[in-house]
Structure formats: C-alpha cells, structure tokens
C-alpha cells in the first residue's frame, strides 16, 4: 500500500512559482497552522498528516482533479497569516484553508475569505465568537469551543450545593470566557464559585495562586488557561499536594499531548473535557492507530478535527459538482457529518455539533499501556454542551432561519 505521505504533492508557501500556480488539473486546498511554535505538537505536522489521510481516504481526486495540499506556518500571527491567505486565494487558487489555531488569525482571515468567497474550516482556534457575532457563511468550526469546554466540564462535575469552585484564570479574553461560561453553569446547577485568581500569560510560578485557591477549601480548582500555563499549574498543584487535601483539578482546555508530557504520575486525577479521545470508540481507535503508525503519537482533537473537516468538505464539493464556496458551505450545513462512525451536524452558524466527553486521567496503575490515559466520567450531549444558536448573535444564522 502506498504511503499516505506520498499521495499528492505538498508545496510549502513561498516555494511555488508562477508556473506552478497553474491549477487546471489540480484542486488546491491549504493547511495553515503553527508548524514550529508553542502549539505545534497539538496541530502542526500532525494536522498536515490528518489532511493527507483524509485526501487519501477520499481517493486523492475531486471533480476529476488531483487534490493538492499547500502548507504554511502562520506563526500564530494575524499579520503573517493574512498575506499568505491572500496569495493562496489570488495566485495559487486555494479553495479552502484548514486547521487554523489562534483566534486572532481566524478573525482576520474571515474577512478575507468572505471577500474572496473561499472556505475556512477551523479546528485549532477555540473562541465561541467564531460562530457568534463574528460568524461567516464561509466559515465552519469543527472542534470544541470555549463555551462547550467550560459548560460541559461544569455540568459533569457540579453536583449541587455542595460543589464549590475556585478558578486560576489566564488574564486575557480566552481565560475570561472560560471562567465566565463555567461559572454561569455552576451557579445554575446550584454550585458556588468562591472566587478566582487571574494570572498573566506565560506565568512560571503559580505558588501564590495555588495557596490562595487552597485557602478557600474549594472542592474543584478550575484551570481557565491553556498550553504552558495549564501544564505549569498542574505540575505545581502536584507539588503542593492539593489533591491530598481533597481538591480536584479541572483543566478546561487541555490536550492529550499535555498529559503525555506531564506523565500519569503527575496528571492522575485531572479532569479533562474533549470532543475527541482516540480510545473512545471502534471508529476513533481504528483511525488513531493509522495516524499513530505515521506520526508516532496519538492524535489530538485538533488533528482529528482536520481529518473530519477535510473529509466532509470534499464530500460537499463532490455533491455540489463545482468549486463554488457559497454552495459548498450550504451543502456542508445540510449533509450529516461522519465523525469516525458517529453522526454530527453543522448548524446554520457554522458550529459543528457533537457529544462531548468528560474524562479523568488514570493513575499509572490503571493505565494498560502507552496513551491509555483517560477514564470517561460523563458524556454531555451536543445540544446541552454548545451555546444555543439563538444566543450567539450570528446574523448569518438568523437569516437562514427566516
């Protein structure tokens, strides 16, 4: 069997000359993400592989043309991503861009994609506003957003009046959104929020914040942060033995790669919410093992989102019969989504709806082998996890519903 890596030609942005930009016999899509920076292990080369796998599984062609994938590193900077997107759309005939970590990048590219009538399929960025007031008929959001992560975690963990929470919150809009949405759910369920401590981005020393949290005797400490901030807080919570005092840690935005980096001895007991876990079903296991054979690591939810979004997009292109982004996005919203054997749907605002799993990280003794990290605590239905469409303020969805 031919290697997936050999299917199609991946051309790095900037290396493609005018002669190569003639795409009469090619259908071109792009994967734009963090290829070398702080979240490259969450997406990066794994997202590119996921896109290649989807193209290979589709047969390598659509509309009678060979599918080509371009790759770019946006460095998590809107001012880097925007000229790449314009060049892709204007001179390299890219029809759709996938992956896209970093909300600022997505919001900048939404205006460009709307102007050029091209598609954005987001699997990296997490802001709920991508399909809220900033929504676009050319954008779809394929992985967990801040509202769903916070809401599902709070619903699974909060069991009434006896449940008390305290938050360690990254002091910028992403962290504020996580804390706000989780707090609203906690209070609605009868729980109490005892307070929060807001820390700067890229905090190294969490000792003062953890001691403050410990002093409240909250039963759950919510980490409303991401990346290195979440990892550092978990490490130091273990050192301060917060779990020995009865407190549970709930990371509102963490990835399996974070657990892998921490190790089970440190991460055990941590509560993590995710719409994808490689060992959840027969379908996820089968695909993840193929991915692991190529990549050497199990896929994250971002990488899984790239695979599902590329697959669904190509089906919609084939159904429409031409490279018409407006028609393709309408078709994507009408067609059922196959998420590794389970069905999801794309709402009129571009939000993909599916069930969310809430997990607890296993102890070393519970784990049966590499990457066997999670034990499911609860499943929150997509209807209960994601923000209701009428609450998002998406003008596109309001028009579609009329």
Protein backbone atom coordinates (compact mmCIF):
# COMPACT_ATOMS: atom_id res chain seq x y z
CA UNK A 1 0.00 0.00 0.00
CA UNK A 2 1.33 3.41 -0.94
CA UNK A 3 2.29 5.60 1.98
CA UNK A 4 -0.13 8.41 2.73
CA UNK A 5 2.85 10.74 2.71
CA UNK A 6 3.36 10.00 -0.97
CA UNK A 7 -0.16 10.92 -2.01
CA UNK A 8 -0.27 14.39 -3.54
CA UNK A 9 2.44 16.99 -3.54
CA UNK A 10 2.77 19.25 -0.54
CA UNK A 11 4.22 22.59 -1.53
CA UNK A 12 5.45 24.94 1.20
CA UNK A 13 4.27 28.51 0.86
CA UNK A 14 6.84 30.71 -0.79
CA UNK A 15 8.38 27.91 -2.84
CA UNK A 16 5.75 27.87 -5.53
CA UNK A 17 6.47 29.94 -8.66
CA UNK A 18 4.03 31.39 -11.14
CA UNK A 19 4.45 28.47 -13.49
CA UNK A 20 3.45 26.08 -10.74
CA UNK A 21 0.37 28.14 -9.93
CA UNK A 22 -1.49 26.88 -12.97
CA UNK A 23 -4.05 24.59 -11.38
CA UNK A 24 -6.25 23.46 -14.24
CA UNK A 25 -5.60 19.81 -13.40
CA UNK A 26 -5.47 20.31 -9.63
CA UNK A 27 -7.94 21.06 -6.86
CA UNK A 28 -5.91 23.01 -4.26
CA UNK A 29 -6.53 23.31 -0.52
CA UNK A 30 -4.32 24.64 2.26
CA UNK A 31 -3.41 23.65 5.80
CA UNK A 32 -2.35 26.72 7.78
CA UNK A 33 -1.24 26.41 11.38
CA UNK A 34 1.56 26.50 13.89
CA UNK A 35 4.32 24.36 12.40
CA UNK A 36 7.11 25.22 14.82
CA UNK A 37 5.81 27.19 17.79
CA UNK A 38 4.06 26.75 21.12
CA UNK A 39 1.12 24.65 19.90
CA UNK A 40 2.83 22.76 17.08
CA UNK A 41 2.56 19.44 18.91
CA UNK A 42 -1.24 19.92 19.17
CA UNK A 43 -1.62 20.63 15.44
CA UNK A 44 1.49 21.19 13.35
CA UNK A 45 2.75 18.30 11.27
CA UNK A 46 0.03 16.10 12.75
CA UNK A 47 -2.64 18.34 11.25
CA UNK A 48 -0.93 18.12 7.86
CA UNK A 49 -0.86 14.33 8.15
CA UNK A 50 -4.55 14.27 9.11
CA UNK A 51 -5.39 16.29 5.99
CA UNK A 52 -3.35 13.93 3.81
CA UNK A 53 -5.09 10.94 5.33
CA UNK A 54 -8.50 12.45 4.55
CA UNK A 55 -7.47 13.16 0.95
CA UNK A 56 -6.12 9.63 0.57
CA UNK A 57 -9.26 8.09 2.02
CA UNK A 58 -11.36 10.17 -0.39
CA UNK A 59 -9.39 8.77 -3.31
CA UNK A 60 -6.97 11.63 -3.98
CA UNK A 61 -9.24 13.35 -6.50
CA UNK A 62 -12.34 15.51 -6.59
CA UNK A 63 -14.24 16.85 -9.62
CA UNK A 64 -11.86 14.79 -11.73
CA UNK A 65 -8.82 16.72 -10.46
CA UNK A 66 -5.90 15.67 -8.29
CA UNK A 67 -6.14 17.19 -4.81
CA UNK A 68 -3.05 19.17 -3.81
CA UNK A 69 -2.33 20.37 -0.27
CA UNK A 70 -0.31 23.52 0.41
CA UNK A 71 1.17 24.06 3.88
CA UNK A 72 2.02 27.26 5.71
CA UNK A 73 3.18 28.29 9.19
CA UNK A 74 1.21 31.35 10.32
CA UNK A 75 3.38 31.66 13.47
CA UNK A 76 0.22 32.45 15.45
CA UNK A 77 0.26 35.98 13.98
CA UNK A 78 -2.62 37.53 12.02
CA UNK A 79 -0.20 39.80 10.13
CA UNK A 80 1.68 36.72 8.93
CA UNK A 81 -1.44 34.69 8.11
CA UNK A 82 -3.30 37.38 6.15
CA UNK A 83 -0.82 37.86 3.26
CA UNK A 84 -0.41 34.09 2.96
CA UNK A 85 -4.17 33.65 2.65
CA UNK A 86 -4.44 36.42 0.05
CA UNK A 87 -1.64 34.90 -2.01
CA UNK A 88 -3.18 31.45 -1.75
CA UNK A 89 -6.59 32.70 -2.84
CA UNK A 90 -5.41 35.17 -5.51
CA UNK A 91 -2.50 33.41 -7.22
CA UNK A 92 -2.46 29.78 -6.14
CA UNK A 93 -6.17 29.03 -6.49
CA UNK A 94 -6.62 27.62 -2.99
CA UNK A 95 -10.30 26.85 -2.43
CA UNK A 96 -10.29 26.21 1.32
CA UNK A 97 -7.99 26.59 4.34
CA UNK A 98 -7.99 24.07 7.20
CA UNK A 99 -6.66 23.82 10.78
CA UNK A 100 -6.15 27.48 11.84
CA UNK A 101 -5.15 27.63 15.51
CA UNK A 102 -5.24 31.12 17.08
CA UNK A 103 -8.48 33.07 17.23
CA UNK A 104 -6.89 36.32 16.07
CA UNK A 105 -5.77 34.60 12.88
CA UNK A 106 -9.24 33.19 12.23
CA UNK A 107 -10.99 36.52 12.75
CA UNK A 108 -8.54 38.24 10.36
CA UNK A 109 -8.95 35.55 7.72
CA UNK A 110 -12.76 35.52 7.94
CA UNK A 111 -12.96 38.93 6.29
CA UNK A 112 -10.56 37.84 3.53
CA UNK A 113 -12.40 34.56 2.93
CA UNK A 114 -15.73 36.38 2.77
CA UNK A 115 -14.28 38.89 0.27
CA UNK A 116 -12.75 36.16 -1.92
CA UNK A 117 -15.64 33.71 -1.37
CA UNK A 118 -13.40 30.90 -0.15
CA UNK A 119 -13.88 28.46 2.74
CA UNK A 120 -12.32 28.37 6.22
CA UNK A 121 -12.63 25.17 8.26
CA UNK A 122 -11.37 25.83 11.79
CA UNK A 123 -10.03 23.06 14.04
CA UNK A 124 -7.45 24.88 16.14
CA UNK A 125 -8.88 28.14 17.47
CA UNK A 126 -11.42 27.82 20.28
CA UNK A 127 -13.27 31.13 20.62
CA UNK A 128 -17.04 30.75 20.67
CA UNK A 129 -17.25 34.05 18.78
CA UNK A 130 -16.03 32.38 15.57
CA UNK A 131 -19.63 31.22 15.13
CA UNK A 132 -21.13 34.03 17.20
CA UNK A 133 -21.17 37.71 16.30
CA UNK A 134 -18.10 37.20 14.09
CA UNK A 135 -19.64 34.33 12.13
CA UNK A 136 -19.39 33.98 8.37
CA UNK A 137 -21.28 31.87 5.79
CA UNK A 138 -17.87 30.70 4.58
CA UNK A 139 -16.56 29.53 7.99
CA UNK A 140 -17.25 26.32 9.92
CA UNK A 141 -15.92 25.39 13.38
CA UNK A 142 -15.06 21.71 13.88
CA UNK A 143 -13.69 21.29 17.39
CA UNK A 144 -14.54 22.22 20.97
CA UNK A 145 -15.03 25.93 21.66
CA UNK A 146 -14.63 27.79 24.93
CA UNK A 147 -18.34 27.66 25.76
CA UNK A 148 -18.66 23.91 25.21
CA UNK A 149 -15.49 23.09 27.16
CA UNK A 150 -16.45 25.20 30.16
CA UNK A 151 -20.12 24.26 30.10
CA UNK A 152 -19.60 20.51 29.69
CA UNK A 153 -16.96 20.37 32.43
CA UNK A 154 -19.14 22.26 34.87
CA UNK A 155 -22.20 20.12 34.08
CA UNK A 156 -20.31 16.88 34.58
CA UNK A 157 -18.55 17.89 37.78
CA UNK A 158 -21.05 20.10 39.62
CA UNK A 159 -23.46 18.01 41.67
CA UNK A 160 -25.46 20.62 43.54
CA UNK A 161 -24.96 22.90 46.52
CA UNK A 162 -22.00 21.02 47.97
CA UNK A 163 -19.82 21.65 44.92
CA UNK A 164 -17.55 24.65 45.31
CA UNK A 165 -15.16 26.00 42.67
CA UNK A 166 -12.21 28.34 42.53
CA UNK A 167 -10.57 29.42 39.26
CA UNK A 168 -7.00 30.07 38.21
CA UNK A 169 -7.63 32.17 35.13
CA UNK A 170 -5.29 33.37 32.41
CA UNK A 171 -5.77 37.13 32.33
CA UNK A 172 -6.93 37.67 28.75
CA UNK A 173 -10.18 37.17 26.85
CA UNK A 174 -9.72 33.40 26.34
CA UNK A 175 -9.35 32.71 30.06
CA UNK A 176 -12.09 35.17 30.99
CA UNK A 177 -14.51 33.44 28.61
CA UNK A 178 -13.78 30.01 30.10
CA UNK A 179 -14.26 31.23 33.65
CA UNK A 180 -17.46 33.15 32.82
CA UNK A 181 -19.18 30.28 31.00
CA UNK A 182 -18.21 27.66 33.58
CA UNK A 183 -19.31 29.94 36.43
CA UNK A 184 -22.71 30.55 34.87
CA UNK A 185 -23.30 26.79 34.57
CA UNK A 186 -22.02 26.07 38.09
CA UNK A 187 -24.39 28.61 39.63
CA UNK A 188 -27.32 27.40 37.53
CA UNK A 189 -26.72 23.88 38.86
CA UNK A 190 -26.65 25.04 42.48
CA UNK A 191 -22.90 25.09 42.96
CA UNK A 192 -20.84 28.01 44.26
CA UNK A 193 -17.89 29.91 42.81
CA UNK A 194 -15.72 31.02 45.73
CA UNK A 195 -13.53 33.29 43.64
CA UNK A 196 -10.72 33.39 41.13
CA UNK A 197 -7.12 34.46 40.76
CA UNK A 198 -6.07 35.93 37.43
CA UNK A 199 -2.51 35.35 36.30
CA UNK A 200 -0.51 36.78 33.39
CA UNK A 201 0.03 34.77 30.24
CA UNK A 202 3.14 32.55 30.44
CA UNK A 203 3.26 32.50 34.25
CA UNK A 204 6.10 30.37 35.59
CA UNK A 205 5.39 30.44 39.33
CA UNK A 206 1.84 29.53 40.41
CA UNK A 207 2.64 29.11 44.12
CA UNK A 208 0.80 32.22 45.34
CA UNK A 209 -2.26 31.44 43.21
CA UNK A 210 -2.37 27.81 44.35
CA UNK A 211 -2.03 28.74 48.02
CA UNK A 212 -4.86 31.23 47.58
CA UNK A 213 -7.01 28.54 45.98
CA UNK A 214 -6.14 26.08 48.72
CA UNK A 215 -7.13 28.55 51.43
CA UNK A 216 -10.70 28.69 50.10
CA UNK A 217 -11.08 24.91 50.54
CA UNK A 218 -12.86 24.74 47.19
CA UNK A 219 -13.62 21.19 46.09
CA UNK A 220 -12.75 21.91 42.45
CA UNK A 221 -10.00 24.15 41.12
CA UNK A 222 -10.73 25.13 37.53
CA UNK A 223 -7.81 25.96 35.27
CA UNK A 224 -9.12 28.53 32.80
CA UNK A 225 -5.97 28.64 30.73
CA UNK A 226 -4.11 26.77 28.00
CA UNK A 227 -0.73 25.44 26.94
CA UNK A 228 2.25 26.02 29.20
CA UNK A 229 0.16 27.89 31.78
CA UNK A 230 -2.07 24.84 32.29
CA UNK A 231 0.88 22.44 32.35
CA UNK A 232 2.81 24.56 34.89
CA UNK A 233 -0.24 24.91 37.13
CA UNK A 234 -0.81 21.12 37.13
CA UNK A 235 2.85 20.40 37.93
CA UNK A 236 2.90 22.83 40.82
CA UNK A 237 -0.50 21.72 42.14
CA UNK A 238 1.00 18.23 42.42
CA UNK A 239 4.00 19.62 44.31
CA UNK A 240 1.67 21.41 46.75
CA UNK A 241 -0.38 18.19 47.11
CA UNK A 242 -3.71 19.89 46.52
CA UNK A 243 -5.25 16.53 45.64
CA UNK A 244 -4.24 15.12 49.04
CA UNK A 245 -6.40 17.81 50.63
CA UNK A 246 -9.47 16.71 48.68
CA UNK A 247 -9.39 19.26 45.87
CA UNK A 248 -9.81 18.16 42.26
CA UNK A 249 -8.18 19.88 39.31
CA UNK A 250 -10.30 20.50 36.21
CA UNK A 251 -8.43 21.73 33.14
CA UNK A 252 -10.95 23.49 30.91
CA UNK A 253 -8.69 23.50 27.84
CA UNK A 254 -6.09 20.72 27.78
CA UNK A 255 -4.92 18.14 25.27
CA UNK A 256 -3.77 14.54 25.43
CA UNK A 257 -0.31 15.77 24.45
CA UNK A 258 -0.25 17.80 27.68
CA UNK A 259 -0.97 14.64 29.68
CA UNK A 260 1.69 12.78 27.72
CA UNK A 261 4.24 15.49 28.56
CA UNK A 262 3.27 15.56 32.23
CA UNK A 263 3.15 11.80 32.73
CA UNK A 264 0.43 9.95 34.61
CA UNK A 265 2.18 10.23 37.97
CA UNK A 266 1.70 14.00 37.81
CA UNK A 267 -1.52 14.26 35.77
CA UNK A 268 -3.51 11.49 37.51
CA UNK A 269 -6.93 12.60 38.72
CA UNK A 270 -7.03 15.62 36.41
CA UNK A 271 -10.46 16.26 34.83
CA UNK A 272 -10.28 16.95 31.08
CA UNK A 273 -13.08 17.65 28.64
CA UNK A 274 -12.76 16.82 24.95
CA UNK A 275 -14.94 16.06 21.96
CA UNK A 276 -12.35 13.55 20.75
CA UNK A 277 -10.37 10.84 22.51
CA UNK A 278 -8.53 8.26 20.47
CA UNK A 279 -9.78 5.31 22.55
CA UNK A 280 -13.45 6.35 22.73
CA UNK A 281 -14.97 4.10 20.05
CA UNK A 282 -14.04 1.47 17.49
CA UNK A 283 -14.01 4.20 14.84
CA UNK A 284 -11.68 6.54 16.72
CA UNK A 285 -9.36 3.66 17.62
CA UNK A 286 -9.07 2.43 14.04
CA UNK A 287 -8.25 5.87 12.67
CA UNK A 288 -5.95 6.83 15.55
CA UNK A 289 -3.84 3.70 15.13
CA UNK A 290 -3.33 4.53 11.46
CA UNK A 291 -2.35 8.06 12.47
CA UNK A 292 -0.02 6.75 15.18
CA UNK A 293 1.74 4.48 12.67
CA UNK A 294 2.67 7.54 10.58
CA UNK A 295 3.11 10.20 13.27
CA UNK A 296 4.41 8.26 16.27
CA UNK A 297 1.87 9.91 18.60
CA UNK A 298 -1.85 9.61 19.12
CA UNK A 299 -3.94 12.40 17.57
CA UNK A 300 -5.25 15.43 19.42
CA UNK A 301 -8.78 16.75 18.95
CA UNK A 302 -7.38 19.46 16.67
CA UNK A 303 -5.78 16.89 14.37
CA UNK A 304 -8.91 14.74 14.41
CA UNK A 305 -10.92 17.85 13.55
CA UNK A 306 -8.76 18.45 10.49
CA UNK A 307 -9.40 14.90 9.26
CA UNK A 308 -13.17 15.17 9.72
CA UNK A 309 -13.39 18.66 8.19
CA UNK A 310 -11.35 17.77 5.10
CA UNK A 311 -13.42 14.62 4.59
CA UNK A 312 -16.74 16.45 4.92
CA UNK A 313 -15.63 19.34 2.73
CA UNK A 314 -14.58 17.03 -0.11
CA UNK A 315 -17.91 15.21 0.07
CA UNK A 316 -19.70 18.56 -0.21
CA UNK A 317 -17.53 19.62 -3.17
CA UNK A 318 -18.36 16.38 -4.94
CA UNK A 319 -22.07 16.80 -4.20
CA UNK A 320 -22.12 20.40 -5.49
CA UNK A 321 -20.12 19.48 -8.58
CA UNK A 322 -18.08 22.68 -8.78
CA UNK A 323 -15.74 24.88 -6.75
CA UNK A 324 -18.44 27.27 -5.54
CA UNK A 325 -17.71 28.13 -1.91
CA UNK A 326 -21.18 29.51 -1.14
CA UNK A 327 -22.88 26.37 -2.47
CA UNK A 328 -20.31 24.09 -0.81
CA UNK A 329 -20.85 25.70 2.60
CA UNK A 330 -24.61 25.35 2.24
CA UNK A 331 -24.14 21.69 1.32
CA UNK A 332 -21.88 21.12 4.35
CA UNK A 333 -24.61 22.51 6.59
CA UNK A 334 -27.22 20.19 5.08
CA UNK A 335 -25.17 16.96 4.98
CA UNK A 336 -24.69 14.72 8.02
CA UNK A 337 -21.10 14.70 9.31
CA UNK A 338 -19.30 11.40 9.85
CA UNK A 339 -17.09 11.66 12.95
CA UNK A 340 -15.36 8.29 12.92
CA UNK A 341 -18.65 6.41 12.66
CA UNK A 342 -20.74 8.75 14.78
CA UNK A 343 -23.00 11.41 13.30
CA UNK A 344 -22.65 15.16 13.83
CA UNK A 345 -24.22 18.14 12.12
CA UNK A 346 -23.22 21.64 11.00
CA UNK A 347 -25.58 24.34 12.23
CA UNK A 348 -26.51 27.39 10.17
CA UNK A 349 -23.96 29.47 12.13
CA UNK A 350 -21.17 27.09 11.09
CA UNK A 351 -20.87 25.42 14.50
CA UNK A 352 -20.41 21.62 14.28
CA UNK A 353 -22.49 19.87 16.97
CA UNK A 354 -21.47 16.57 18.58
CA UNK A 355 -21.36 14.96 22.03
CA UNK A 356 -18.59 15.98 24.46
CA UNK A 357 -16.77 13.56 26.75
CA UNK A 358 -15.62 14.48 30.26
CA UNK A 359 -12.72 12.33 31.44
CA UNK A 360 -10.48 11.76 34.42
CA UNK A 361 -6.81 10.99 33.88
CA UNK A 362 -5.97 7.48 35.04
CA UNK A 363 -3.43 6.53 37.65
CA UNK A 364 -0.30 4.74 36.43
CA UNK A 365 -1.72 1.51 37.87
CA UNK A 366 -4.97 1.89 35.90
CA UNK A 367 -3.27 2.50 32.56
CA UNK A 368 -2.76 -0.59 30.41
CA UNK A 369 -0.15 0.90 28.10
CA UNK A 370 1.10 3.94 26.18
CA UNK A 371 -1.55 6.64 25.57
CA UNK A 372 -4.14 4.79 27.70
CA UNK A 373 -4.75 7.93 29.74
CA UNK A 374 -8.46 8.69 30.15
CA UNK A 375 -11.41 7.21 32.02
CA UNK A 376 -14.79 8.61 30.98
CA UNK A 377 -16.77 10.32 33.74
CA UNK A 378 -19.69 11.61 31.70
CA UNK A 379 -20.98 12.37 28.23
CA UNK A 380 -22.69 15.72 27.60
CA UNK A 381 -24.88 15.83 24.51
CA UNK A 382 -24.06 18.33 21.81
CA UNK A 383 -27.41 20.04 22.39
CA UNK A 384 -26.52 20.59 26.05
CA UNK A 385 -22.80 21.34 25.58
CA UNK A 386 -22.71 24.02 22.87
CA UNK A 387 -24.14 27.51 23.13
CA UNK A 388 -27.68 27.69 21.70
CA UNK A 389 -27.68 29.17 18.23
CA UNK A 390 -30.13 31.93 19.23
CA UNK A 391 -27.73 33.14 21.95
CA UNK A 392 -24.74 33.63 19.67
CA UNK A 393 -25.78 36.68 17.70
CA UNK A 394 -24.83 35.22 14.32
CA UNK A 395 -26.54 37.29 11.62
CA UNK A 396 -25.99 34.53 9.03
CA UNK A 397 -27.86 32.02 11.17
CA UNK A 398 -30.71 34.44 11.78
CA UNK A 399 -31.16 34.98 8.05
CA UNK A 400 -31.01 31.23 7.38
CA UNK A 401 -33.72 30.62 9.98
CA UNK A 402 -36.14 33.12 8.47
